[in-house]
Amino acid sequence: MILRYAITDPLYYSSNPSVLKDSVDQVLSAKCIDLISLRDKRSDNYEALAKEFLSLKPRFPNTQFLLHTDVNLAAELQADGIHLPSDRMDWIETAKRLGLWTVVSTHTFEEAKRSEALGADAITFSPIFPTPGKGPPQGLEKLKEIKDKISIKIFALGGIVTEKQIAAVEEAGTDGFASIRYFCNYSQGNIDNECI
């Protein structure tokens, strides 16, 4: 079974700390999730969101909780790891020194190789399928090509919203998939409690 990585977005989870906590709780209760990252570029108080988000860690011991971009906050609040954007690769070494499991967003082979060389534990590679506002999809062949040339974990990301797409990226050899929308199906009443 490939790893399942949920990424939050204020559009689906809210930038209100208590609403965010309830939303994340619902998603983690409804889906089998290995990692979850708090991604919110709108909030003017990311730290408050992070505290509510991380307060759920004891209830879900089998899920790794990652913050986004802020390495020092992730270490201070004892998150399991950090998800860095591609323009913050220079923070990989700091993140690792602070004991954070480190994922980096990548969109090219060069970014994937650089992340690996700098010591990242994993990358997301995107977009695999059509995704609103993310440009042309990279496709499954490119995903396979990257996977064959790096040794760290790779998560397919971008437009993954169906079981058929999950099966396709698994067949391509990826270690896992990451998604925002797939894990929010609970909100439309499509709760799936099965680990597949």
N, C-alpha and C. Protein backbone atom coordinates (compact mmCIF):
# COMPACT_ATOMS: atom_id res chain seq x y z
N MET A 1 0.85 -1.20 0.00
CA MET A 1 0.00 0.00 0.00
C MET A 1 0.89 1.25 0.00
N ILE A 2 0.56 2.19 -0.85
CA ILE A 2 1.35 3.42 -0.89
C ILE A 2 0.94 4.36 0.25
N LEU A 3 1.86 5.26 0.58
CA LEU A 3 1.61 6.22 1.65
C LEU A 3 0.60 7.28 1.22
N ARG A 4 -0.19 7.74 2.20
CA ARG A 4 -1.24 8.73 1.93
C ARG A 4 -0.90 10.02 2.68
N TYR A 5 -0.78 11.09 1.93
CA TYR A 5 -0.34 12.37 2.48
C TYR A 5 -1.40 13.44 2.21
N ALA A 6 -2.05 13.89 3.27
CA ALA A 6 -3.07 14.94 3.17
C ALA A 6 -2.44 16.31 3.38
N ILE A 7 -2.80 17.25 2.54
CA ILE A 7 -2.31 18.63 2.65
C ILE A 7 -3.52 19.53 2.85
N THR A 8 -3.48 20.36 3.88
CA THR A 8 -4.63 21.23 4.13
C THR A 8 -4.58 22.47 3.25
N ASP A 9 -5.74 23.08 3.12
CA ASP A 9 -5.88 24.32 2.38
C ASP A 9 -7.02 25.09 3.04
N PRO A 10 -6.88 26.39 3.27
CA PRO A 10 -7.94 27.14 3.96
C PRO A 10 -9.29 27.09 3.25
N LEU A 11 -9.28 26.85 1.93
CA LEU A 11 -10.53 26.76 1.19
C LEU A 11 -11.40 25.62 1.71
N TYR A 12 -10.75 24.54 2.17
CA TYR A 12 -11.47 23.37 2.64
C TYR A 12 -11.44 23.21 4.16
N TYR A 13 -10.43 23.77 4.81
CA TYR A 13 -10.22 23.52 6.23
C TYR A 13 -10.41 24.75 7.12
N SER A 14 -10.44 25.93 6.55
CA SER A 14 -10.60 27.20 7.28
C SER A 14 -9.28 27.73 7.84
N SER A 15 -9.23 29.05 8.02
CA SER A 15 -8.09 29.70 8.68
C SER A 15 -8.44 30.09 10.11
N ASN A 16 -9.60 29.63 10.57
CA ASN A 16 -9.99 29.83 11.96
C ASN A 16 -9.47 28.63 12.75
N PRO A 17 -8.65 28.85 13.78
CA PRO A 17 -8.01 27.73 14.47
C PRO A 17 -8.94 26.62 14.95
N SER A 18 -10.07 26.97 15.58
CA SER A 18 -10.95 25.91 16.10
C SER A 18 -11.68 25.17 14.97
N VAL A 19 -12.06 25.90 13.92
CA VAL A 19 -12.72 25.26 12.78
C VAL A 19 -11.71 24.36 12.05
N LEU A 20 -10.49 24.84 11.89
CA LEU A 20 -9.44 24.04 11.28
C LEU A 20 -9.25 22.73 12.05
N LYS A 21 -9.16 22.83 13.38
CA LYS A 21 -8.96 21.63 14.20
C LYS A 21 -10.08 20.63 13.98
N ASP A 22 -11.32 21.10 13.98
CA ASP A 22 -12.46 20.21 13.76
C ASP A 22 -12.40 19.57 12.37
N SER A 23 -12.02 20.35 11.36
CA SER A 23 -11.94 19.84 9.99
C SER A 23 -10.87 18.76 9.86
N VAL A 24 -9.70 19.04 10.45
CA VAL A 24 -8.60 18.07 10.40
C VAL A 24 -8.99 16.80 11.16
N ASP A 25 -9.62 16.97 12.30
CA ASP A 25 -10.08 15.84 13.10
C ASP A 25 -11.03 14.95 12.27
N GLN A 26 -11.96 15.58 11.57
CA GLN A 26 -12.91 14.83 10.75
C GLN A 26 -12.20 14.06 9.65
N VAL A 27 -11.27 14.70 8.98
CA VAL A 27 -10.55 14.06 7.88
C VAL A 27 -9.71 12.89 8.40
N LEU A 28 -8.99 13.10 9.50
CA LEU A 28 -8.15 12.03 10.04
C LEU A 28 -8.99 10.87 10.58
N SER A 29 -10.18 11.16 11.06
CA SER A 29 -11.06 10.11 11.56
C SER A 29 -11.70 9.32 10.42
N ALA A 30 -11.89 9.98 9.27
CA ALA A 30 -12.58 9.35 8.15
C ALA A 30 -11.66 8.61 7.19
N LYS A 31 -10.41 9.00 7.13
CA LYS A 31 -9.49 8.43 6.14
C LYS A 31 -8.25 7.86 6.83
N CYS A 32 -7.65 6.88 6.18
CA CYS A 32 -6.36 6.33 6.65
C CYS A 32 -5.27 7.23 6.08
N ILE A 33 -4.64 8.02 6.92
CA ILE A 33 -3.67 9.03 6.48
C ILE A 33 -2.35 8.81 7.20
N ASP A 34 -1.26 8.74 6.42
CA ASP A 34 0.07 8.52 6.99
C ASP A 34 0.75 9.82 7.38
N LEU A 35 0.51 10.88 6.59
CA LEU A 35 1.10 12.19 6.87
C LEU A 35 0.05 13.26 6.60
N ILE A 36 0.14 14.35 7.33
CA ILE A 36 -0.72 15.50 7.05
C ILE A 36 0.10 16.77 7.29
N SER A 37 -0.06 17.72 6.37
CA SER A 37 0.69 18.98 6.45
C SER A 37 -0.27 20.15 6.56
N LEU A 38 0.07 21.10 7.44
CA LEU A 38 -0.72 22.32 7.59
C LEU A 38 -0.19 23.38 6.63
N ARG A 39 -0.92 23.59 5.55
CA ARG A 39 -0.54 24.57 4.54
C ARG A 39 -1.59 25.67 4.51
N ASP A 40 -1.21 26.88 4.89
CA ASP A 40 -2.13 28.01 4.89
C ASP A 40 -1.34 29.28 4.62
N LYS A 41 -1.45 29.79 3.41
CA LYS A 41 -0.72 31.00 3.02
C LYS A 41 -1.54 32.26 3.26
N ARG A 42 -2.79 32.10 3.73
CA ARG A 42 -3.66 33.25 3.95
C ARG A 42 -3.60 33.79 5.37
N SER A 43 -3.41 32.90 6.32
CA SER A 43 -3.55 33.27 7.73
C SER A 43 -2.48 34.25 8.18
N ASP A 44 -2.87 35.21 9.01
CA ASP A 44 -1.88 36.12 9.60
C ASP A 44 -1.45 35.60 10.98
N ASN A 45 -1.95 34.42 11.37
CA ASN A 45 -1.53 33.82 12.64
C ASN A 45 -1.34 32.32 12.47
N TYR A 46 -0.34 31.97 11.67
CA TYR A 46 -0.06 30.57 11.38
C TYR A 46 0.28 29.81 12.66
N GLU A 47 0.93 30.47 13.60
CA GLU A 47 1.31 29.80 14.84
C GLU A 47 0.09 29.30 15.61
N ALA A 48 -0.95 30.11 15.69
CA ALA A 48 -2.18 29.67 16.38
C ALA A 48 -2.80 28.47 15.67
N LEU A 49 -2.81 28.52 14.34
CA LEU A 49 -3.31 27.37 13.58
C LEU A 49 -2.47 26.13 13.86
N ALA A 50 -1.15 26.32 13.86
CA ALA A 50 -0.24 25.20 14.08
C ALA A 50 -0.45 24.54 15.44
N LYS A 51 -0.69 25.35 16.44
CA LYS A 51 -0.91 24.80 17.79
C LYS A 51 -2.18 23.95 17.85
N GLU A 52 -3.25 24.44 17.22
CA GLU A 52 -4.49 23.66 17.19
C GLU A 52 -4.30 22.38 16.38
N PHE A 53 -3.66 22.51 15.25
CA PHE A 53 -3.37 21.37 14.37
C PHE A 53 -2.57 20.30 15.11
N LEU A 54 -1.50 20.71 15.76
CA LEU A 54 -0.62 19.76 16.45
C LEU A 54 -1.23 19.20 17.73
N SER A 55 -2.25 19.86 18.25
CA SER A 55 -2.91 19.32 19.45
C SER A 55 -3.61 18.00 19.17
N LEU A 56 -3.79 17.68 17.88
CA LEU A 56 -4.42 16.42 17.50
C LEU A 56 -3.45 15.24 17.45
N LYS A 57 -2.17 15.53 17.53
CA LYS A 57 -1.16 14.46 17.40
C LYS A 57 -1.40 13.27 18.34
N PRO A 58 -1.69 13.49 19.62
CA PRO A 58 -1.87 12.34 20.52
C PRO A 58 -3.03 11.42 20.12
N ARG A 59 -4.05 11.98 19.47
CA ARG A 59 -5.20 11.17 19.05
C ARG A 59 -4.90 10.32 17.83
N PHE A 60 -3.89 10.72 17.05
CA PHE A 60 -3.58 10.02 15.80
C PHE A 60 -2.09 9.68 15.75
N PRO A 61 -1.66 8.75 16.61
CA PRO A 61 -0.23 8.44 16.74
C PRO A 61 0.40 7.81 15.50
N ASN A 62 -0.41 7.30 14.59
CA ASN A 62 0.13 6.67 13.38
C ASN A 62 0.25 7.64 12.21
N THR A 63 -0.06 8.90 12.46
CA THR A 63 0.03 9.93 11.42
C THR A 63 1.13 10.92 11.77
N GLN A 64 1.99 11.22 10.79
CA GLN A 64 3.02 12.25 10.98
C GLN A 64 2.41 13.62 10.70
N PHE A 65 2.64 14.57 11.60
CA PHE A 65 2.12 15.93 11.46
C PHE A 65 3.25 16.86 11.03
N LEU A 66 3.07 17.49 9.87
CA LEU A 66 4.08 18.40 9.32
C LEU A 66 3.54 19.82 9.26
N LEU A 67 4.42 20.78 9.53
CA LEU A 67 4.09 22.17 9.26
C LEU A 67 4.66 22.54 7.89
N HIS A 68 4.29 23.71 7.41
CA HIS A 68 4.70 24.14 6.07
C HIS A 68 5.61 25.37 6.18
N THR A 69 6.79 25.28 5.60
CA THR A 69 7.74 26.37 5.41
C THR A 69 8.49 26.80 6.67
N ASP A 70 7.81 27.02 7.79
CA ASP A 70 8.44 27.59 8.99
C ASP A 70 9.18 26.53 9.81
N VAL A 71 10.45 26.34 9.48
CA VAL A 71 11.28 25.31 10.11
C VAL A 71 11.41 25.52 11.61
N ASN A 72 11.68 26.74 12.02
CA ASN A 72 11.88 27.01 13.45
C ASN A 72 10.61 26.77 14.26
N LEU A 73 9.46 27.16 13.73
CA LEU A 73 8.20 26.92 14.42
C LEU A 73 7.92 25.42 14.52
N ALA A 74 8.20 24.70 13.45
CA ALA A 74 7.99 23.25 13.46
C ALA A 74 8.82 22.58 14.56
N ALA A 75 10.05 23.01 14.71
CA ALA A 75 10.91 22.45 15.76
C ALA A 75 10.42 22.87 17.14
N GLU A 76 10.06 24.14 17.28
CA GLU A 76 9.61 24.67 18.58
C GLU A 76 8.35 23.97 19.07
N LEU A 77 7.41 23.70 18.14
CA LEU A 77 6.14 23.09 18.52
C LEU A 77 6.17 21.56 18.45
N GLN A 78 7.34 21.03 18.14
CA GLN A 78 7.55 19.58 18.09
C GLN A 78 6.68 18.87 17.07
N ALA A 79 6.60 19.47 15.89
CA ALA A 79 5.97 18.79 14.75
C ALA A 79 6.87 17.63 14.36
N ASP A 80 6.32 16.67 13.64
CA ASP A 80 7.13 15.54 13.17
C ASP A 80 8.04 15.94 12.02
N GLY A 81 7.59 16.95 11.27
CA GLY A 81 8.38 17.31 10.10
C GLY A 81 7.96 18.63 9.50
N ILE A 82 8.53 18.89 8.32
CA ILE A 82 8.30 20.16 7.62
C ILE A 82 8.15 19.89 6.13
N HIS A 83 7.27 20.64 5.50
CA HIS A 83 7.15 20.59 4.04
C HIS A 83 7.65 21.94 3.51
N LEU A 84 8.71 21.89 2.74
CA LEU A 84 9.32 23.12 2.21
C LEU A 84 8.95 23.34 0.76
N PRO A 85 8.64 24.59 0.37
CA PRO A 85 8.44 24.88 -1.05
C PRO A 85 9.78 24.79 -1.79
N SER A 86 9.71 24.69 -3.10
CA SER A 86 10.93 24.50 -3.90
C SER A 86 11.91 25.65 -3.79
N ASP A 87 11.43 26.85 -3.45
CA ASP A 87 12.35 27.99 -3.33
C ASP A 87 12.96 28.10 -1.93
N ARG A 88 12.77 27.08 -1.09
CA ARG A 88 13.33 27.07 0.26
C ARG A 88 14.22 25.85 0.50
N MET A 89 14.78 25.32 -0.56
CA MET A 89 15.64 24.14 -0.43
C MET A 89 16.86 24.39 0.46
N ASP A 90 17.27 25.65 0.54
CA ASP A 90 18.43 25.98 1.36
C ASP A 90 18.14 25.77 2.85
N TRP A 91 16.89 25.50 3.22
CA TRP A 91 16.54 25.25 4.62
C TRP A 91 16.53 23.76 4.97
N ILE A 92 16.80 22.91 3.98
CA ILE A 92 16.77 21.46 4.24
C ILE A 92 17.76 21.08 5.34
N GLU A 93 18.97 21.56 5.24
CA GLU A 93 20.00 21.18 6.22
C GLU A 93 19.61 21.63 7.63
N THR A 94 19.05 22.83 7.75
CA THR A 94 18.59 23.31 9.06
C THR A 94 17.48 22.42 9.59
N ALA A 95 16.53 22.08 8.73
CA ALA A 95 15.42 21.22 9.14
C ALA A 95 15.92 19.87 9.65
N LYS A 96 16.86 19.31 8.94
CA LYS A 96 17.39 18.00 9.34
C LYS A 96 18.17 18.11 10.65
N ARG A 97 18.90 19.19 10.81
CA ARG A 97 19.67 19.40 12.05
C ARG A 97 18.72 19.54 13.25
N LEU A 98 17.52 20.06 13.00
CA LEU A 98 16.53 20.21 14.06
C LEU A 98 15.70 18.94 14.27
N GLY A 99 16.03 17.90 13.53
CA GLY A 99 15.35 16.61 13.72
C GLY A 99 14.01 16.48 13.01
N LEU A 100 13.78 17.30 12.00
CA LEU A 100 12.50 17.28 11.29
C LEU A 100 12.56 16.40 10.04
N TRP A 101 11.56 15.55 9.90
CA TRP A 101 11.41 14.78 8.66
C TRP A 101 11.05 15.80 7.59
N THR A 102 11.75 15.78 6.46
CA THR A 102 11.67 16.90 5.51
C THR A 102 11.21 16.49 4.12
N VAL A 103 10.13 17.13 3.68
CA VAL A 103 9.58 16.95 2.34
C VAL A 103 9.75 18.26 1.58
N VAL A 104 10.09 18.17 0.30
CA VAL A 104 10.26 19.37 -0.53
C VAL A 104 9.36 19.27 -1.76
N SER A 105 8.68 20.36 -2.09
CA SER A 105 7.89 20.42 -3.31
C SER A 105 8.83 20.54 -4.50
N THR A 106 8.65 19.68 -5.50
CA THR A 106 9.47 19.77 -6.71
C THR A 106 8.59 19.68 -7.95
N HIS A 107 9.12 20.25 -9.04
CA HIS A 107 8.36 20.28 -10.29
C HIS A 107 9.25 19.91 -11.48
N THR A 108 10.55 19.68 -11.22
CA THR A 108 11.48 19.30 -12.28
C THR A 108 12.43 18.23 -11.75
N PHE A 109 13.09 17.54 -12.67
CA PHE A 109 14.08 16.55 -12.27
C PHE A 109 15.23 17.21 -11.50
N GLU A 110 15.63 18.40 -11.94
CA GLU A 110 16.74 19.10 -11.28
C GLU A 110 16.39 19.42 -9.82
N GLU A 111 15.17 19.86 -9.58
CA GLU A 111 14.75 20.14 -8.20
C GLU A 111 14.72 18.86 -7.36
N ALA A 112 14.28 17.78 -7.97
CA ALA A 112 14.23 16.49 -7.25
C ALA A 112 15.63 16.05 -6.85
N LYS A 113 16.58 16.13 -7.78
CA LYS A 113 17.96 15.72 -7.49
C LYS A 113 18.61 16.63 -6.46
N ARG A 114 18.34 17.93 -6.55
CA ARG A 114 18.92 18.86 -5.58
C ARG A 114 18.37 18.60 -4.18
N SER A 115 17.08 18.34 -4.08
CA SER A 115 16.48 18.02 -2.78
C SER A 115 17.14 16.80 -2.18
N GLU A 116 17.35 15.79 -2.99
CA GLU A 116 18.00 14.57 -2.53
C GLU A 116 19.43 14.86 -2.07
N ALA A 117 20.16 15.62 -2.87
CA ALA A 117 21.56 15.93 -2.55
C ALA A 117 21.68 16.72 -1.25
N LEU A 118 20.70 17.56 -0.96
CA LEU A 118 20.74 18.38 0.25
C LEU A 118 20.24 17.64 1.50
N GLY A 119 19.75 16.42 1.32
CA GLY A 119 19.38 15.61 2.48
C GLY A 119 17.91 15.50 2.80
N ALA A 120 17.02 15.91 1.87
CA ALA A 120 15.58 15.76 2.11
C ALA A 120 15.23 14.28 2.26
N ASP A 121 14.19 14.01 3.02
CA ASP A 121 13.71 12.64 3.18
C ASP A 121 12.78 12.23 2.05
N ALA A 122 12.09 13.22 1.48
CA ALA A 122 11.09 12.93 0.46
C ALA A 122 10.82 14.19 -0.36
N ILE A 123 10.18 13.96 -1.50
CA ILE A 123 9.72 15.08 -2.33
C ILE A 123 8.27 14.83 -2.73
N THR A 124 7.58 15.91 -3.03
CA THR A 124 6.36 15.79 -3.82
C THR A 124 6.77 16.19 -5.23
N PHE A 125 6.18 15.54 -6.23
CA PHE A 125 6.43 15.90 -7.63
C PHE A 125 5.08 16.21 -8.25
N SER A 126 4.98 17.40 -8.85
CA SER A 126 3.66 17.84 -9.33
C SER A 126 3.77 18.83 -10.49
N PRO A 127 2.58 19.07 -11.13
CA PRO A 127 1.32 18.33 -10.99
C PRO A 127 1.31 17.10 -11.90
N ILE A 128 0.77 16.01 -11.40
CA ILE A 128 0.70 14.78 -12.21
C ILE A 128 -0.50 14.83 -13.15
N PHE A 129 -1.65 15.22 -12.61
CA PHE A 129 -2.88 15.33 -13.40
C PHE A 129 -3.30 16.80 -13.45
N PRO A 130 -4.23 17.15 -14.34
CA PRO A 130 -4.69 18.54 -14.41
C PRO A 130 -5.18 19.04 -13.04
N THR A 131 -4.69 20.22 -12.67
CA THR A 131 -5.00 20.82 -11.38
C THR A 131 -5.26 22.31 -11.59
N PRO A 132 -6.33 22.85 -11.01
CA PRO A 132 -6.63 24.27 -11.22
C PRO A 132 -5.45 25.18 -10.85
N GLY A 133 -5.04 26.00 -11.80
CA GLY A 133 -4.01 27.01 -11.55
C GLY A 133 -2.58 26.51 -11.44
N LYS A 134 -2.32 25.25 -11.83
CA LYS A 134 -0.98 24.69 -11.65
C LYS A 134 -0.24 24.39 -12.95
N GLY A 135 -0.77 24.84 -14.07
CA GLY A 135 -0.07 24.64 -15.33
C GLY A 135 -0.28 23.23 -15.89
N PRO A 136 0.41 22.93 -17.01
CA PRO A 136 0.22 21.63 -17.67
C PRO A 136 0.67 20.48 -16.76
N PRO A 137 -0.05 19.35 -16.78
CA PRO A 137 0.34 18.22 -15.95
C PRO A 137 1.63 17.57 -16.43
N GLN A 138 2.41 17.06 -15.47
CA GLN A 138 3.66 16.37 -15.78
C GLN A 138 3.39 14.97 -16.36
N GLY A 139 2.36 14.31 -15.85
CA GLY A 139 2.00 12.99 -16.35
C GLY A 139 2.72 11.85 -15.65
N LEU A 140 2.19 10.65 -15.88
CA LEU A 140 2.70 9.45 -15.21
C LEU A 140 4.09 9.04 -15.70
N GLU A 141 4.38 9.25 -16.98
CA GLU A 141 5.69 8.85 -17.51
C GLU A 141 6.81 9.67 -16.86
N LYS A 142 6.58 10.95 -16.68
CA LYS A 142 7.57 11.80 -16.03
C LYS A 142 7.75 11.37 -14.58
N LEU A 143 6.65 11.02 -13.92
CA LEU A 143 6.72 10.53 -12.54
C LEU A 143 7.59 9.28 -12.46
N LYS A 144 7.37 8.33 -13.37
CA LYS A 144 8.18 7.10 -13.41
C LYS A 144 9.65 7.43 -13.62
N GLU A 145 9.92 8.35 -14.54
CA GLU A 145 11.30 8.73 -14.86
C GLU A 145 12.01 9.30 -13.63
N ILE A 146 11.34 10.19 -12.90
CA ILE A 146 11.93 10.77 -11.70
C ILE A 146 12.16 9.68 -10.65
N LYS A 147 11.18 8.82 -10.44
CA LYS A 147 11.27 7.76 -9.44
C LYS A 147 12.47 6.85 -9.71
N ASP A 148 12.73 6.58 -10.96
CA ASP A 148 13.84 5.69 -11.33
C ASP A 148 15.21 6.32 -11.11
N LYS A 149 15.25 7.65 -10.92
CA LYS A 149 16.54 8.35 -10.85
C LYS A 149 16.86 8.92 -9.47
N ILE A 150 15.97 8.73 -8.50
CA ILE A 150 16.25 9.20 -7.15
C ILE A 150 16.03 8.07 -6.15
N SER A 151 16.65 8.19 -4.98
CA SER A 151 16.52 7.12 -3.98
C SER A 151 15.64 7.50 -2.80
N ILE A 152 15.26 8.78 -2.68
CA ILE A 152 14.40 9.20 -1.58
C ILE A 152 12.93 8.99 -1.96
N LYS A 153 12.06 9.08 -0.98
CA LYS A 153 10.64 8.87 -1.23
C LYS A 153 10.07 9.96 -2.13
N ILE A 154 9.13 9.55 -2.99
CA ILE A 154 8.47 10.50 -3.88
C ILE A 154 6.96 10.34 -3.75
N PHE A 155 6.29 11.47 -3.54
CA PHE A 155 4.84 11.52 -3.46
C PHE A 155 4.31 12.20 -4.72
N ALA A 156 3.44 11.51 -5.44
CA ALA A 156 2.76 12.12 -6.57
C ALA A 156 1.76 13.14 -6.03
N LEU A 157 1.68 14.30 -6.68
CA LEU A 157 0.80 15.37 -6.22
C LEU A 157 0.19 16.07 -7.42
N GLY A 158 -1.05 16.52 -7.25
CA GLY A 158 -1.65 17.33 -8.30
C GLY A 158 -2.79 16.63 -9.01
N GLY A 159 -4.02 17.02 -8.70
CA GLY A 159 -5.18 16.50 -9.40
C GLY A 159 -5.58 15.09 -9.02
N ILE A 160 -5.05 14.58 -7.93
CA ILE A 160 -5.37 13.21 -7.51
C ILE A 160 -6.62 13.24 -6.64
N VAL A 161 -7.74 12.82 -7.24
CA VAL A 161 -9.02 12.89 -6.53
C VAL A 161 -9.82 11.59 -6.62
N THR A 162 -9.33 10.60 -7.36
CA THR A 162 -10.08 9.36 -7.53
C THR A 162 -9.22 8.14 -7.19
N GLU A 163 -9.89 7.03 -6.89
CA GLU A 163 -9.17 5.78 -6.63
C GLU A 163 -8.42 5.31 -7.87
N LYS A 164 -8.98 5.56 -9.04
CA LYS A 164 -8.31 5.18 -10.30
C LYS A 164 -6.99 5.91 -10.45
N GLN A 165 -6.96 7.19 -10.11
CA GLN A 165 -5.71 7.96 -10.19
C GLN A 165 -4.70 7.46 -9.16
N ILE A 166 -5.17 7.10 -7.98
CA ILE A 166 -4.26 6.55 -6.96
C ILE A 166 -3.64 5.26 -7.46
N ALA A 167 -4.46 4.39 -8.06
CA ALA A 167 -3.95 3.13 -8.60
C ALA A 167 -2.90 3.40 -9.70
N ALA A 168 -3.14 4.43 -10.50
CA ALA A 168 -2.23 4.75 -11.60
C ALA A 168 -0.88 5.24 -11.09
N VAL A 169 -0.88 6.09 -10.05
CA VAL A 169 0.41 6.57 -9.54
C VAL A 169 1.13 5.46 -8.77
N GLU A 170 0.37 4.57 -8.16
CA GLU A 170 1.00 3.42 -7.49
C GLU A 170 1.67 2.52 -8.52
N GLU A 171 1.00 2.29 -9.63
CA GLU A 171 1.57 1.47 -10.70
C GLU A 171 2.82 2.13 -11.29
N ALA A 172 2.87 3.45 -11.25
CA ALA A 172 4.04 4.18 -11.75
C ALA A 172 5.24 4.05 -10.81
N GLY A 173 5.04 3.46 -9.64
CA GLY A 173 6.16 3.19 -8.73
C GLY A 173 6.36 4.21 -7.64
N THR A 174 5.45 5.17 -7.50
CA THR A 174 5.60 6.18 -6.47
C THR A 174 5.48 5.56 -5.07
N ASP A 175 6.11 6.21 -4.09
CA ASP A 175 6.03 5.74 -2.70
C ASP A 175 4.71 6.12 -2.06
N GLY A 176 4.08 7.17 -2.57
CA GLY A 176 2.83 7.64 -1.99
C GLY A 176 2.20 8.70 -2.87
N PHE A 177 1.07 9.19 -2.43
CA PHE A 177 0.43 10.30 -3.13
C PHE A 177 0.02 11.34 -2.11
N ALA A 178 0.00 12.58 -2.55
CA ALA A 178 -0.43 13.70 -1.72
C ALA A 178 -1.60 14.39 -2.40
N SER A 179 -2.53 14.90 -1.60
CA SER A 179 -3.69 15.55 -2.18
C SER A 179 -4.34 16.46 -1.16
N ILE A 180 -5.01 17.47 -1.65
CA ILE A 180 -5.87 18.30 -0.81
C ILE A 180 -7.30 17.77 -0.95
N ARG A 181 -7.81 17.76 -2.17
CA ARG A 181 -9.22 17.49 -2.41
C ARG A 181 -9.64 16.05 -2.15
N TYR A 182 -8.78 15.08 -2.43
CA TYR A 182 -9.17 13.68 -2.23
C TYR A 182 -9.60 13.43 -0.79
N PHE A 183 -8.87 13.98 0.15
CA PHE A 183 -9.13 13.71 1.55
C PHE A 183 -10.31 14.51 2.09
N CYS A 184 -10.83 15.42 1.29
CA CYS A 184 -11.97 16.23 1.73
C CYS A 184 -13.30 15.67 1.25
N ASN A 185 -13.29 14.48 0.66
CA ASN A 185 -14.54 13.87 0.19
C ASN A 185 -15.53 13.66 1.32
N TYR A 186 -15.02 13.61 2.57
CA TYR A 186 -15.93 13.44 3.70
C TYR A 186 -16.98 14.55 3.72
N SER A 187 -16.60 15.73 3.22
CA SER A 187 -17.51 16.88 3.29
C SER A 187 -18.69 16.73 2.33
N GLN A 188 -18.54 15.85 1.34
CA GLN A 188 -19.67 15.59 0.43
C GLN A 188 -20.38 14.29 0.80
N GLY A 189 -20.07 13.77 1.98
CA GLY A 189 -20.73 12.55 2.43
C GLY A 189 -20.13 11.28 1.88
N ASN A 190 -18.93 11.37 1.30
CA ASN A 190 -18.29 10.18 0.72
C ASN A 190 -17.24 9.62 1.67
N ILE A 191 -17.58 9.45 2.92
CA ILE A 191 -16.61 8.98 3.90
C ILE A 191 -16.24 7.53 3.61
N ASP A 192 -14.96 7.28 3.57
CA ASP A 192 -14.44 5.94 3.31
C ASP A 192 -13.52 5.56 4.46
N ASN A 193 -13.96 4.68 5.31
CA ASN A 193 -13.16 4.30 6.47
C ASN A 193 -12.20 3.15 6.19
N GLU A 194 -12.19 2.68 4.97
CA GLU A 194 -11.33 1.53 4.65
C GLU A 194 -9.93 2.00 4.27
N CYS A 195 -8.93 1.25 4.75
CA CYS A 195 -7.56 1.47 4.30
C CYS A 195 -7.36 0.62 3.06
N ILE A 196 -7.18 1.27 1.91
CA ILE A 196 -7.05 0.49 0.69
C ILE A 196 -5.70 0.74 0.05
